């Protein structure tokens, strides 16, 4: 049987807080089993799922969108490289739009620095 990790170890290895791990589980993004002491235990594959969740959040996806992406995978499977490529391709437009928005904001800031209006328009 694969080694199961405690919630603290999952949090430490993934860089996600313990409360966030619990929250993601309540949202259906992660699953755990309970040991005889009723403590959550996670398979190692949860680390890859958490990396996927973190990357998707950085792109700007909501937890609902992330859950929908993960739901496209066979039950409980960790995203593979092919899955990542397919799913992340659809996020590219969102990233490009954010970059364009930030570049426009930078231009507005440069203009406001010169005039002192602080309107960002």
PDB file of N, CA and C in Angstrom:
ATOM      1  N   UNK A   1       0.847  -1.193   0.000  1.00  0.00           N
ATOM      2  CA  UNK A   1       0.000   0.000   0.000  1.00  0.00           C
ATOM      3  C   UNK A   1       0.882   1.242   0.000  1.00  0.00           C
ATOM      4  N   UNK A   2       0.440   2.265  -0.726  1.00  0.00           N
ATOM      5  CA  UNK A   2       1.183   3.517  -0.759  1.00  0.00           C
ATOM      6  C   UNK A   2       1.204   4.154   0.622  1.00  0.00           C
ATOM      7  N   UNK A   3       2.298   4.852   0.882  1.00  0.00           N
ATOM      8  CA  UNK A   3       2.418   5.573   2.141  1.00  0.00           C
ATOM      9  C   UNK A   3       1.379   6.684   2.193  1.00  0.00           C
ATOM     10  N   UNK A   4       0.726   6.811   3.341  1.00  0.00           N
ATOM     11  CA  UNK A   4      -0.234   7.890   3.541  1.00  0.00           C
ATOM     12  C   UNK A   4       0.416   8.980   4.368  1.00  0.00           C
ATOM     13  N   UNK A   5       0.084  10.211   4.052  1.00  0.00           N
ATOM     14  CA  UNK A   5       0.670  11.367   4.719  1.00  0.00           C
ATOM     15  C   UNK A   5      -0.354  12.015   5.635  1.00  0.00           C
ATOM     16  N   UNK A   6       0.134  12.517   6.764  1.00  0.00           N
ATOM     17  CA  UNK A   6      -0.722  13.284   7.654  1.00  0.00           C
ATOM     18  C   UNK A   6      -0.950  14.671   7.089  1.00  0.00           C
ATOM     19  N   UNK A   7      -1.955  15.340   7.604  1.00  0.00           N
ATOM     20  CA  UNK A   7      -2.313  16.657   7.077  1.00  0.00           C
ATOM     21  C   UNK A   7      -1.182  17.671   7.261  1.00  0.00           C
ATOM     22  N   UNK A   8      -0.449  17.578   8.371  1.00  0.00           N
ATOM     23  CA  UNK A   8       0.671  18.492   8.595  1.00  0.00           C
ATOM     24  C   UNK A   8       1.777  18.296   7.577  1.00  0.00           C
ATOM     25  N   UNK A   9       2.055  17.039   7.250  1.00  0.00           N
ATOM     26  CA  UNK A   9       3.091  16.756   6.259  1.00  0.00           C
ATOM     27  C   UNK A   9       2.651  17.212   4.862  1.00  0.00           C
ATOM     28  N   UNK A  10       1.385  17.001   4.543  1.00  0.00           N
ATOM     29  CA  UNK A  10       0.853  17.472   3.259  1.00  0.00           C
ATOM     30  C   UNK A  10       1.000  18.989   3.168  1.00  0.00           C
ATOM     31  N   UNK A  11       0.627  19.672   4.241  1.00  0.00           N
ATOM     32  CA  UNK A  11       0.720  21.135   4.260  1.00  0.00           C
ATOM     33  C   UNK A  11       2.171  21.588   4.096  1.00  0.00           C
ATOM     34  N   UNK A  12       3.073  20.975   4.838  1.00  0.00           N
ATOM     35  CA  UNK A  12       4.481  21.372   4.780  1.00  0.00           C
ATOM     36  C   UNK A  12       5.080  21.122   3.398  1.00  0.00           C
ATOM     37  N   UNK A  13       4.782  19.984   2.810  1.00  0.00           N
ATOM     38  CA  UNK A  13       5.355  19.650   1.505  1.00  0.00           C
ATOM     39  C   UNK A  13       4.763  20.473   0.368  1.00  0.00           C
ATOM     40  N   UNK A  14       3.514  20.858   0.512  1.00  0.00           N
ATOM     41  CA  UNK A  14       2.843  21.565  -0.580  1.00  0.00           C
ATOM     42  C   UNK A  14       2.917  23.081  -0.458  1.00  0.00           C
ATOM     43  N   UNK A  15       3.243  23.568   0.736  1.00  0.00           N
ATOM     44  CA  UNK A  15       3.249  25.009   0.952  1.00  0.00           C
ATOM     45  C   UNK A  15       1.861  25.588   1.154  1.00  0.00           C
ATOM     46  N   UNK A  16       0.894  24.736   1.388  1.00  0.00           N
ATOM     47  CA  UNK A  16      -0.492  25.136   1.627  1.00  0.00           C
ATOM     48  C   UNK A  16      -0.763  24.959   3.114  1.00  0.00           C
ATOM     49  N   UNK A  17      -1.495  25.870   3.712  1.00  0.00           N
ATOM     50  CA  UNK A  17      -1.763  25.779   5.151  1.00  0.00           C
ATOM     51  C   UNK A  17      -2.675  24.594   5.472  1.00  0.00           C
ATOM     52  N   UNK A  18      -2.594  24.126   6.712  1.00  0.00           N
ATOM     53  CA  UNK A  18      -3.455  23.032   7.165  1.00  0.00           C
ATOM     54  C   UNK A  18      -4.933  23.401   6.994  1.00  0.00           C
ATOM     55  N   UNK A  19      -5.359  24.606   7.422  1.00  0.00           N
ATOM     56  CA  UNK A  19      -6.769  24.949   7.197  1.00  0.00           C
ATOM     57  C   UNK A  19      -7.160  24.943   5.714  1.00  0.00           C
ATOM     58  N   UNK A  20      -6.243  25.347   4.839  1.00  0.00           N
ATOM     59  CA  UNK A  20      -6.544  25.333   3.403  1.00  0.00           C
ATOM     60  C   UNK A  20      -6.714  23.902   2.905  1.00  0.00           C
ATOM     61  N   UNK A  21      -5.877  22.983   3.381  1.00  0.00           N
ATOM     62  CA  UNK A  21      -6.012  21.575   2.987  1.00  0.00           C
ATOM     63  C   UNK A  21      -7.394  21.072   3.400  1.00  0.00           C
ATOM     64  N   UNK A  22      -7.790  21.367   4.627  1.00  0.00           N
ATOM     65  CA  UNK A  22      -9.123  20.955   5.096  1.00  0.00           C
ATOM     66  C   UNK A  22     -10.223  21.575   4.232  1.00  0.00           C
ATOM     67  N   UNK A  23     -10.064  22.864   3.934  1.00  0.00           N
ATOM     68  CA  UNK A  23     -11.068  23.564   3.132  1.00  0.00           C
ATOM     69  C   UNK A  23     -11.174  22.955   1.740  1.00  0.00           C
ATOM     70  N   UNK A  24     -10.045  22.693   1.109  1.00  0.00           N
ATOM     71  CA  UNK A  24     -10.062  22.084  -0.220  1.00  0.00           C
ATOM     72  C   UNK A  24     -10.758  20.727  -0.178  1.00  0.00           C
ATOM     73  N   UNK A  25     -10.572  20.012   0.920  1.00  0.00           N
ATOM     74  CA  UNK A  25     -11.246  18.722   1.048  1.00  0.00           C
ATOM     75  C   UNK A  25     -12.761  18.920   1.142  1.00  0.00           C
ATOM     76  N   UNK A  26     -13.199  19.915   1.914  1.00  0.00           N
ATOM     77  CA  UNK A  26     -14.647  20.154   2.011  1.00  0.00           C
ATOM     78  C   UNK A  26     -15.225  20.586   0.667  1.00  0.00           C
ATOM     79  N   UNK A  27     -14.420  21.209  -0.174  1.00  0.00           N
ATOM     80  CA  UNK A  27     -14.865  21.654  -1.500  1.00  0.00           C
ATOM     81  C   UNK A  27     -14.766  20.534  -2.545  1.00  0.00           C
ATOM     82  N   UNK A  28     -14.266  19.366  -2.139  1.00  0.00           N
ATOM     83  CA  UNK A  28     -14.192  18.230  -3.043  1.00  0.00           C
ATOM     84  C   UNK A  28     -12.967  18.198  -3.934  1.00  0.00           C
ATOM     85  N   UNK A  29     -11.991  19.066  -3.668  1.00  0.00           N
ATOM     86  CA  UNK A  29     -10.776  19.081  -4.482  1.00  0.00           C
ATOM     87  C   UNK A  29      -9.808  17.977  -4.073  1.00  0.00           C
ATOM     88  N   UNK A  30      -9.900  17.547  -2.829  1.00  0.00           N
ATOM     89  CA  UNK A  30      -9.028  16.510  -2.276  1.00  0.00           C
ATOM     90  C   UNK A  30      -9.882  15.479  -1.555  1.00  0.00           C
ATOM     91  N   UNK A  31      -9.336  14.285  -1.415  1.00  0.00           N
ATOM     92  CA  UNK A  31      -9.992  13.268  -0.598  1.00  0.00           C
ATOM     93  C   UNK A  31      -8.967  12.672   0.356  1.00  0.00           C
ATOM     94  N   UNK A  32      -9.456  12.242   1.495  1.00  0.00           N
ATOM     95  CA  UNK A  32      -8.595  11.602   2.486  1.00  0.00           C
ATOM     96  C   UNK A  32      -9.310  10.376   3.027  1.00  0.00           C
ATOM     97  N   UNK A  33      -8.553   9.594   3.743  1.00  0.00           N
ATOM     98  CA  UNK A  33      -9.126   8.496   4.521  1.00  0.00           C
ATOM     99  C   UNK A  33      -8.838   8.806   5.977  1.00  0.00           C
ATOM    100  N   UNK A  34      -9.559   8.168   6.863  1.00  0.00           N
ATOM    101  CA  UNK A  34      -9.342   8.373   8.293  1.00  0.00           C
ATOM    102  C   UNK A  34      -8.668   7.133   8.870  1.00  0.00           C
ATOM    103  N   UNK A  35      -7.690   7.370   9.751  1.00  0.00           N
ATOM    104  CA  UNK A  35      -7.039   6.248  10.420  1.00  0.00           C
ATOM    105  C   UNK A  35      -7.845   5.885  11.668  1.00  0.00           C
ATOM    106  N   UNK A  36      -7.332   4.943  12.435  1.00  0.00           N
ATOM    107  CA  UNK A  36      -8.069   4.481  13.620  1.00  0.00           C
ATOM    108  C   UNK A  36      -8.241   5.580  14.656  1.00  0.00           C
ATOM    109  N   UNK A  37      -7.394   6.576  14.636  1.00  0.00           N
ATOM    110  CA  UNK A  37      -7.522   7.719  15.537  1.00  0.00           C
ATOM    111  C   UNK A  37      -8.371   8.832  14.939  1.00  0.00           C
ATOM    112  N   UNK A  38      -9.029   8.559  13.808  1.00  0.00           N
ATOM    113  CA  UNK A  38      -9.883   9.505  13.088  1.00  0.00           C
ATOM    114  C   UNK A  38      -9.108  10.703  12.526  1.00  0.00           C
ATOM    115  N   UNK A  39      -7.813  10.523  12.303  1.00  0.00           N
ATOM    116  CA  UNK A  39      -7.001  11.578  11.690  1.00  0.00           C
ATOM    117  C   UNK A  39      -7.024  11.414  10.175  1.00  0.00           C
ATOM    118  N   UNK A  40      -7.006  12.551   9.495  1.00  0.00           N
ATOM    119  CA  UNK A  40      -6.973  12.521   8.031  1.00  0.00           C
ATOM    120  C   UNK A  40      -5.625  11.973   7.558  1.00  0.00           C
ATOM    121  N   UNK A  41      -5.683  11.118   6.554  1.00  0.00           N
ATOM    122  CA  UNK A  41      -4.484  10.584   5.912  1.00  0.00           C
ATOM    123  C   UNK A  41      -4.676  10.718   4.407  1.00  0.00           C
ATOM    124  N   UNK A  42      -3.620  11.173   3.741  1.00  0.00           N
ATOM    125  CA  UNK A  42      -3.693  11.469   2.312  1.00  0.00           C
ATOM    126  C   UNK A  42      -2.669  10.646   1.545  1.00  0.00           C
ATOM    127  N   UNK A  43      -3.045  10.192   0.333  1.00  0.00           N
ATOM    128  CA  UNK A  43      -2.040   9.539  -0.516  1.00  0.00           C
ATOM    129  C   UNK A  43      -1.059  10.591  -1.030  1.00  0.00           C
ATOM    130  N   UNK A  44       0.131  10.152  -1.407  1.00  0.00           N
ATOM    131  CA  UNK A  44       1.147  11.082  -1.922  1.00  0.00           C
ATOM    132  C   UNK A  44       0.649  11.870  -3.135  1.00  0.00           C
ATOM    133  N   UNK A  45      -0.241  11.275  -3.896  1.00  0.00           N
ATOM    134  CA  UNK A  45      -0.729  11.936  -5.107  1.00  0.00           C
ATOM    135  C   UNK A  45      -1.448  13.245  -4.804  1.00  0.00           C
ATOM    136  N   UNK A  46      -1.855  13.443  -3.565  1.00  0.00           N
ATOM    137  CA  UNK A  46      -2.532  14.694  -3.204  1.00  0.00           C
ATOM    138  C   UNK A  46      -1.592  15.889  -3.388  1.00  0.00           C
ATOM    139  N   UNK A  47      -0.293  15.662  -3.290  1.00  0.00           N
ATOM    140  CA  UNK A  47       0.669  16.756  -3.466  1.00  0.00           C
ATOM    141  C   UNK A  47       0.605  17.315  -4.885  1.00  0.00           C
ATOM    142  N   UNK A  48       0.452  16.435  -5.850  1.00  0.00           N
ATOM    143  CA  UNK A  48       0.348  16.894  -7.245  1.00  0.00           C
ATOM    144  C   UNK A  48      -0.975  17.621  -7.472  1.00  0.00           C
ATOM    145  N   UNK A  49      -2.044  17.119  -6.862  1.00  0.00           N
ATOM    146  CA  UNK A  49      -3.340  17.805  -6.978  1.00  0.00           C
ATOM    147  C   UNK A  49      -3.255  19.201  -6.366  1.00  0.00           C
ATOM    148  N   UNK A  50      -2.581  19.319  -5.226  1.00  0.00           N
ATOM    149  CA  UNK A  50      -2.435  20.630  -4.592  1.00  0.00           C
ATOM    150  C   UNK A  50      -1.594  21.569  -5.454  1.00  0.00           C
ATOM    151  N   UNK A  51      -0.577  21.041  -6.107  1.00  0.00           N
ATOM    152  CA  UNK A  51       0.228  21.864  -7.015  1.00  0.00           C
ATOM    153  C   UNK A  51      -0.645  22.358  -8.172  1.00  0.00           C
ATOM    154  N   UNK A  52      -1.514  21.497  -8.665  1.00  0.00           N
ATOM    155  CA  UNK A  52      -2.444  21.873  -9.732  1.00  0.00           C
ATOM    156  C   UNK A  52      -3.384  22.980  -9.253  1.00  0.00           C
ATOM    157  N   UNK A  53      -3.939  22.814  -8.054  1.00  0.00           N
ATOM    158  CA  UNK A  53      -4.853  23.812  -7.485  1.00  0.00           C
ATOM    159  C   UNK A  53      -4.135  25.152  -7.333  1.00  0.00           C
ATOM    160  N   UNK A  54      -2.925  25.123  -6.793  1.00  0.00           N
ATOM    161  CA  UNK A  54      -2.166  26.363  -6.584  1.00  0.00           C
ATOM    162  C   UNK A  54      -1.871  27.065  -7.904  1.00  0.00           C
ATOM    163  N   UNK A  55      -1.452  26.305  -8.905  1.00  0.00           N
ATOM    164  CA  UNK A  55      -1.152  26.899 -10.215  1.00  0.00           C
ATOM    165  C   UNK A  55      -2.414  27.490 -10.838  1.00  0.00           C
ATOM    166  N   UNK A  56      -3.506  26.776 -10.742  1.00  0.00           N
ATOM    167  CA  UNK A  56      -4.764  27.263 -11.315  1.00  0.00           C
ATOM    168  C   UNK A  56      -5.241  28.528 -10.608  1.00  0.00           C
ATOM    169  N   UNK A  57      -5.035  28.593  -9.298  1.00  0.00           N
ATOM    170  CA  UNK A  57      -5.414  29.802  -8.561  1.00  0.00           C
ATOM    171  C   UNK A  57      -4.555  30.990  -8.989  1.00  0.00           C
ATOM    172  N   UNK A  58      -3.265  30.757  -9.221  1.00  0.00           N
ATOM    173  CA  UNK A  58      -2.393  31.849  -9.667  1.00  0.00           C
ATOM    174  C   UNK A  58      -2.837  32.391 -11.023  1.00  0.00           C
ATOM    175  N   UNK A  59      -3.393  31.523 -11.853  1.00  0.00           N
ATOM    176  CA  UNK A  59      -3.918  31.951 -13.147  1.00  0.00           C
ATOM    177  C   UNK A  59      -5.172  32.798 -12.952  1.00  0.00           C
ATOM    178  N   UNK A  60      -5.863  32.581 -11.845  1.00  0.00           N
ATOM    179  CA  UNK A  60      -7.073  33.349 -11.564  1.00  0.00           C
ATOM    180  C   UNK A  60      -8.345  32.529 -11.589  1.00  0.00           C
ATOM    181  N   UNK A  61      -8.224  31.217 -11.662  1.00  0.00           N
ATOM    182  CA  UNK A  61      -9.407  30.373 -11.661  1.00  0.00           C
ATOM    183  C   UNK A  61     -10.030  30.326 -10.272  1.00  0.00           C
ATOM    184  N   UNK A  62     -11.339  30.253 -10.233  1.00  0.00           N
ATOM    185  CA  UNK A  62     -12.049  30.088  -8.965  1.00  0.00           C
ATOM    186  C   UNK A  62     -11.968  28.618  -8.551  1.00  0.00           C
ATOM    187  N   UNK A  63     -12.275  28.351  -7.295  1.00  0.00           N
ATOM    188  CA  UNK A  63     -12.270  26.962  -6.837  1.00  0.00           C
ATOM    189  C   UNK A  63     -13.309  26.136  -7.590  1.00  0.00           C
ATOM    190  N   UNK A  64     -14.411  26.756  -7.982  1.00  0.00           N
ATOM    191  CA  UNK A  64     -15.429  26.047  -8.758  1.00  0.00           C
ATOM    192  C   UNK A  64     -14.873  25.638 -10.120  1.00  0.00           C
ATOM    193  N   UNK A  65     -14.133  26.529 -10.750  1.00  0.00           N
ATOM    194  CA  UNK A  65     -13.531  26.213 -12.048  1.00  0.00           C
ATOM    195  C   UNK A  65     -12.465  25.133 -11.900  1.00  0.00           C
ATOM    196  N   UNK A  66     -11.705  25.198 -10.825  1.00  0.00           N
ATOM    197  CA  UNK A  66     -10.677  24.187 -10.580  1.00  0.00           C
ATOM    198  C   UNK A  66     -11.334  22.838 -10.344  1.00  0.00           C
ATOM    199  N   UNK A  67     -12.390  22.818  -9.538  1.00  0.00           N
ATOM    200  CA  UNK A  67     -13.109  21.568  -9.272  1.00  0.00           C
ATOM    201  C   UNK A  67     -13.665  20.983 -10.565  1.00  0.00           C
ATOM    202  N   UNK A  68     -14.190  21.835 -11.436  1.00  0.00           N
ATOM    203  CA  UNK A  68     -14.721  21.359 -12.715  1.00  0.00           C
ATOM    204  C   UNK A  68     -13.610  20.756 -13.571  1.00  0.00           C
ATOM    205  N   UNK A  69     -12.437  21.376 -13.567  1.00  0.00           N
ATOM    206  CA  UNK A  69     -11.300  20.833 -14.322  1.00  0.00           C
ATOM    207  C   UNK A  69     -10.889  19.477 -13.772  1.00  0.00           C
ATOM    208  N   UNK A  70     -10.793  19.377 -12.449  1.00  0.00           N
ATOM    209  CA  UNK A  70     -10.406  18.107 -11.833  1.00  0.00           C
ATOM    210  C   UNK A  70     -11.471  17.038 -12.039  1.00  0.00           C
ATOM    211  N   UNK A  71     -12.730  17.455 -12.136  1.00  0.00           N
ATOM    212  CA  UNK A  71     -13.823  16.500 -12.335  1.00  0.00           C
ATOM    213  C   UNK A  71     -13.758  15.845 -13.715  1.00  0.00           C
ATOM    214  N   UNK A  72     -13.040  16.463 -14.649  1.00  0.00           N
ATOM    215  CA  UNK A  72     -12.878  15.883 -15.981  1.00  0.00           C
ATOM    216  C   UNK A  72     -11.960  14.666 -15.960  1.00  0.00           C
ATOM    217  N   UNK A  73     -11.205  14.504 -14.882  1.00  0.00           N
ATOM    218  CA  UNK A  73     -10.273  13.384 -14.769  1.00  0.00           C
ATOM    219  C   UNK A  73     -11.000  12.164 -14.224  1.00  0.00           C
ATOM    220  N   UNK A  74     -10.510  10.955 -14.552  1.00  0.00           N
ATOM    221  CA  UNK A  74     -11.092   9.759 -13.944  1.00  0.00           C
ATOM    222  C   UNK A  74     -11.022   9.850 -12.419  1.00  0.00           C
ATOM    223  N   UNK A  75     -11.946   9.230 -11.744  1.00  0.00           N
ATOM    224  CA  UNK A  75     -12.111   9.319 -10.292  1.00  0.00           C
ATOM    225  C   UNK A  75     -10.791   9.288  -9.525  1.00  0.00           C
ATOM    226  N   UNK A  76     -10.509  10.400  -8.873  1.00  0.00           N
ATOM    227  CA  UNK A  76      -9.374  10.473  -7.968  1.00  0.00           C
ATOM    228  C   UNK A  76      -8.003  10.521  -8.622  1.00  0.00           C
ATOM    229  N   UNK A  77      -7.945  10.515  -9.954  1.00  0.00           N
ATOM    230  CA  UNK A  77      -6.635  10.481 -10.597  1.00  0.00           C
ATOM    231  C   UNK A  77      -5.945  11.833 -10.489  1.00  0.00           C
ATOM    232  N   UNK A  78      -4.655  11.767 -10.314  1.00  0.00           N
ATOM    233  CA  UNK A  78      -3.832  12.963 -10.267  1.00  0.00           C
ATOM    234  C   UNK A  78      -3.605  13.461 -11.687  1.00  0.00           C
ATOM    235  N   UNK A  79      -3.629  14.778 -11.901  1.00  0.00           N
ATOM    236  CA  UNK A  79      -3.389  15.294 -13.254  1.00  0.00           C
ATOM    237  C   UNK A  79      -2.003  14.897 -13.771  1.00  0.00           C
ATOM    238  N   UNK A  80      -1.975  14.393 -14.987  1.00  0.00           N
ATOM    239  CA  UNK A  80      -0.715  14.039 -15.635  1.00  0.00           C
ATOM    240  C   UNK A  80      -0.223  15.239 -16.441  1.00  0.00           C
ATOM    241  N   UNK A  81       0.932  15.093 -17.039  1.00  0.00           N
ATOM    242  CA  UNK A  81       1.464  16.152 -17.899  1.00  0.00           C
ATOM    243  C   UNK A  81       0.508  16.432 -19.058  1.00  0.00           C
ATOM    244  N   UNK A  82      -0.038  15.376 -19.644  1.00  0.00           N
ATOM    245  CA  UNK A  82      -0.985  15.557 -20.753  1.00  0.00           C
ATOM    246  C   UNK A  82      -2.244  16.283 -20.277  1.00  0.00           C
ATOM    247  N   UNK A  83      -2.727  15.920 -19.085  1.00  0.00           N
ATOM    248  CA  UNK A  83      -3.894  16.609 -18.515  1.00  0.00           C
ATOM    249  C   UNK A  83      -3.581  18.083 -18.324  1.00  0.00           C
ATOM    250  N   UNK A  84      -2.411  18.347 -17.749  1.00  0.00           N
ATOM    251  CA  UNK A  84      -2.016  19.737 -17.486  1.00  0.00           C
ATOM    252  C   UNK A  84      -1.969  20.530 -18.792  1.00  0.00           C
ATOM    253  N   UNK A  85      -1.382  19.957 -19.820  1.00  0.00           N
ATOM    254  CA  UNK A  85      -1.275  20.635 -21.113  1.00  0.00           C
ATOM    255  C   UNK A  85      -2.657  20.952 -21.669  1.00  0.00           C
ATOM    256  N   UNK A  86      -3.544  19.977 -21.645  1.00  0.00           N
ATOM    257  CA  UNK A  86      -4.890  20.161 -22.183  1.00  0.00           C
ATOM    258  C   UNK A  86      -5.664  21.205 -21.384  1.00  0.00           C
ATOM    259  N   UNK A  87      -5.642  21.104 -20.064  1.00  0.00           N
ATOM    260  CA  UNK A  87      -6.418  22.020 -19.227  1.00  0.00           C
ATOM    261  C   UNK A  87      -5.837  23.431 -19.222  1.00  0.00           C
ATOM    262  N   UNK A  88      -4.515  23.524 -19.154  1.00  0.00           N
ATOM    263  CA  UNK A  88      -3.903  24.853 -19.054  1.00  0.00           C
ATOM    264  C   UNK A  88      -3.967  25.625 -20.372  1.00  0.00           C
ATOM    265  N   UNK A  89      -4.106  24.930 -21.476  1.00  0.00           N
ATOM    266  CA  UNK A  89      -4.208  25.605 -22.776  1.00  0.00           C
ATOM    267  C   UNK A  89      -5.398  26.570 -22.781  1.00  0.00           C
ATOM    268  N   UNK A  90      -6.479  26.173 -22.141  1.00  0.00           N
ATOM    269  CA  UNK A  90      -7.670  27.029 -22.118  1.00  0.00           C
ATOM    270  C   UNK A  90      -7.494  28.232 -21.194  1.00  0.00           C
ATOM    271  N   UNK A  91      -6.490  28.210 -20.345  1.00  0.00           N
ATOM    272  CA  UNK A  91      -6.249  29.315 -19.407  1.00  0.00           C
ATOM    273  C   UNK A  91      -5.371  30.403 -20.020  1.00  0.00           C
ATOM    274  N   UNK A  92      -4.743  30.115 -21.126  1.00  0.00           N
ATOM    275  CA  UNK A  92      -3.779  31.043 -21.722  1.00  0.00           C
ATOM    276  C   UNK A  92      -4.404  32.405 -22.027  1.00  0.00           C
ATOM    277  N   UNK A  93      -5.604  32.414 -22.550  1.00  0.00           N
ATOM    278  CA  UNK A  93      -6.282  33.671 -22.852  1.00  0.00           C
ATOM    279  C   UNK A  93      -6.496  34.512 -21.613  1.00  0.00           C
ATOM    280  N   UNK A  94      -6.815  33.864 -20.519  1.00  0.00           N
ATOM    281  CA  UNK A  94      -7.010  34.582 -19.259  1.00  0.00           C
ATOM    282  C   UNK A  94      -5.700  35.221 -18.798  1.00  0.00           C
ATOM    283  N   UNK A  95      -4.610  34.497 -18.926  1.00  0.00           N
ATOM    284  CA  UNK A  95      -3.300  35.037 -18.542  1.00  0.00           C
ATOM    285  C   UNK A  95      -2.934  36.212 -19.452  1.00  0.00           C
ATOM    286  N   UNK A  96      -3.145  36.045 -20.756  1.00  0.00           N
ATOM    287  CA  UNK A  96      -2.841  37.132 -21.695  1.00  0.00           C
ATOM    288  C   UNK A  96      -3.663  38.379 -21.381  1.00  0.00           C
ATOM    289  N   UNK A  97      -4.930  38.203 -21.039  1.00  0.00           N
ATOM    290  CA  UNK A  97      -5.791  39.344 -20.703  1.00  0.00           C
ATOM    291  C   UNK A  97      -5.302  40.048 -19.440  1.00  0.00           C
ATOM    292  N   UNK A  98      -4.872  39.274 -18.452  1.00  0.00           N
ATOM    293  CA  UNK A  98      -4.348  39.883 -17.221  1.00  0.00           C
ATOM    294  C   UNK A  98      -3.070  40.659 -17.488  1.00  0.00           C
ATOM    295  N   UNK A  99      -2.212  40.101 -18.337  1.00  0.00           N
ATOM    296  CA  UNK A  99      -0.968  40.794 -18.683  1.00  0.00           C
ATOM    297  C   UNK A  99      -1.290  42.118 -19.367  1.00  0.00           C
ATOM    298  N   UNK A 100      -2.221  42.103 -20.314  1.00  0.00           N
ATOM    299  CA  UNK A 100      -2.601  43.335 -21.016  1.00  0.00           C
ATOM    300  C   UNK A 100      -3.178  44.354 -20.036  1.00  0.00           C
ATOM    301  N   UNK A 101      -3.984  43.889 -19.104  1.00  0.00           N
ATOM    302  CA  UNK A 101      -4.573  44.786 -18.099  1.00  0.00           C
ATOM    303  C   UNK A 101      -3.496  45.411 -17.219  1.00  0.00           C
ATOM    304  N   UNK A 102      -2.529  44.614 -16.797  1.00  0.00           N
ATOM    305  CA  UNK A 102      -1.445  45.131 -15.956  1.00  0.00           C
ATOM    306  C   UNK A 102      -0.540  46.088 -16.728  1.00  0.00           C
ATOM    307  N   UNK A 103      -0.299  45.792 -18.008  1.00  0.00           N
ATOM    308  CA  UNK A 103       0.508  46.713 -18.814  1.00  0.00           C
ATOM    309  C   UNK A 103      -0.202  48.057 -18.973  1.00  0.00           C
ATOM    310  N   UNK A 104      -1.514  48.024 -19.162  1.00  0.00           N
ATOM    311  CA  UNK A 104      -2.286  49.270 -19.267  1.00  0.00           C
ATOM    312  C   UNK A 104      -2.235  50.034 -17.946  1.00  0.00           C
ATOM    313  N   UNK A 105      -2.315  49.324 -16.843  1.00  0.00           N
ATOM    314  CA  UNK A 105      -2.227  49.962 -15.532  1.00  0.00           C
ATOM    315  C   UNK A 105      -0.862  50.620 -15.342  1.00  0.00           C
ATOM    316  N   UNK A 106       0.186  49.922 -15.787  1.00  0.00           N
ATOM    317  CA  UNK A 106       1.532  50.490 -15.685  1.00  0.00           C
ATOM    318  C   UNK A 106       1.626  51.786 -16.479  1.00  0.00           C
ATOM    319  N   UNK A 107       1.065  51.800 -17.674  1.00  0.00           N
ATOM    320  CA  UNK A 107       1.065  53.016 -18.494  1.00  0.00           C
ATOM    321  C   UNK A 107       0.306  54.138 -17.790  1.00  0.00           C
ATOM    322  N   UNK A 108      -0.836  53.801 -17.198  1.00  0.00           N
ATOM    323  CA  UNK A 108      -1.614  54.806 -16.460  1.00  0.00           C
ATOM    324  C   UNK A 108      -0.820  55.350 -15.282  1.00  0.00           C
ATOM    325  N   UNK A 109      -0.117  54.468 -14.585  1.00  0.00           N
ATOM    326  CA  UNK A 109       0.699  54.913 -13.454  1.00  0.00           C
ATOM    327  C   UNK A 109       1.784  55.875 -13.913  1.00  0.00           C
ATOM    328  N   UNK A 110       2.434  55.537 -15.013  1.00  0.00           N
ATOM    329  CA  UNK A 110       3.484  56.421 -15.536  1.00  0.00           C
ATOM    330  C   UNK A 110       2.919  57.794 -15.865  1.00  0.00           C
ATOM    331  N   UNK A 111       1.736  57.834 -16.455  1.00  0.00           N
ATOM    332  CA  UNK A 111       1.114  59.108 -16.790  1.00  0.00           C
ATOM    333  C   UNK A 111       0.718  59.892 -15.551  1.00  0.00           C
ATOM    334  N   UNK A 112       0.215  59.214 -14.544  1.00  0.00           N
ATOM    335  CA  UNK A 112      -0.219  59.896 -13.317  1.00  0.00           C
ATOM    336  C   UNK A 112       0.964  60.393 -12.492  1.00  0.00           C
ATOM    337  N   UNK A 113       2.076  59.701 -12.587  1.00  0.00           N
ATOM    338  CA  UNK A 113       3.260  60.169 -11.864  1.00  0.00           C
ATOM    339  C   UNK A 113       3.670  61.531 -12.402  1.00  0.00           C
ATOM    340  N   UNK A 114       3.565  61.692 -13.724  1.00  0.00           N
ATOM    341  CA  UNK A 114       3.954  62.955 -14.347  1.00  0.00           C
ATOM    342  C   UNK A 114       3.025  64.105 -14.006  1.00  0.00           C
ATOM    343  N   UNK A 115       1.722  63.841 -13.948  1.00  0.00           N
ATOM    344  CA  UNK A 115       0.790  64.953 -13.725  1.00  0.00           C
ATOM    345  C   UNK A 115       0.346  65.067 -12.270  1.00  0.00           C
ATOM    346  N   UNK A 116       0.492  64.001 -11.505  1.00  0.00           N
ATOM    347  CA  UNK A 116       0.116  64.043 -10.092  1.00  0.00           C
ATOM    348  C   UNK A 116      -1.375  63.939  -9.833  1.00  0.00           C
ATOM    349  N   UNK A 117      -2.169  63.585 -10.836  1.00  0.00           N
ATOM    350  CA  UNK A 117      -3.628  63.569 -10.665  1.00  0.00           C
ATOM    351  C   UNK A 117      -4.123  62.372  -9.854  1.00  0.00           C
ATOM    352  N   UNK A 118      -3.397  61.271  -9.893  1.00  0.00           N
ATOM    353  CA  UNK A 118      -3.740  60.043  -9.176  1.00  0.00           C
ATOM    354  C   UNK A 118      -5.076  59.444  -9.595  1.00  0.00           C
ATOM    355  N   UNK A 119      -5.585  59.814 -10.745  1.00  0.00           N
ATOM    356  CA  UNK A 119      -6.877  59.290 -11.191  1.00  0.00           C
ATOM    357  C   UNK A 119      -6.756  57.908 -11.828  1.00  0.00           C
ATOM    358  N   UNK A 120      -5.572  57.534 -12.277  1.00  0.00           N
ATOM    359  CA  UNK A 120      -5.326  56.280 -12.992  1.00  0.00           C
ATOM    360  C   UNK A 120      -6.240  56.134 -14.201  1.00  0.00           C
ATOM    361  N   UNK A 121      -6.475  57.252 -14.880  1.00  0.00           N
ATOM    362  CA  UNK A 121      -7.297  57.207 -16.101  1.00  0.00           C
ATOM    363  C   UNK A 121      -6.548  57.818 -17.241  1.00  0.00           C
TER     364      UNK A 121
END
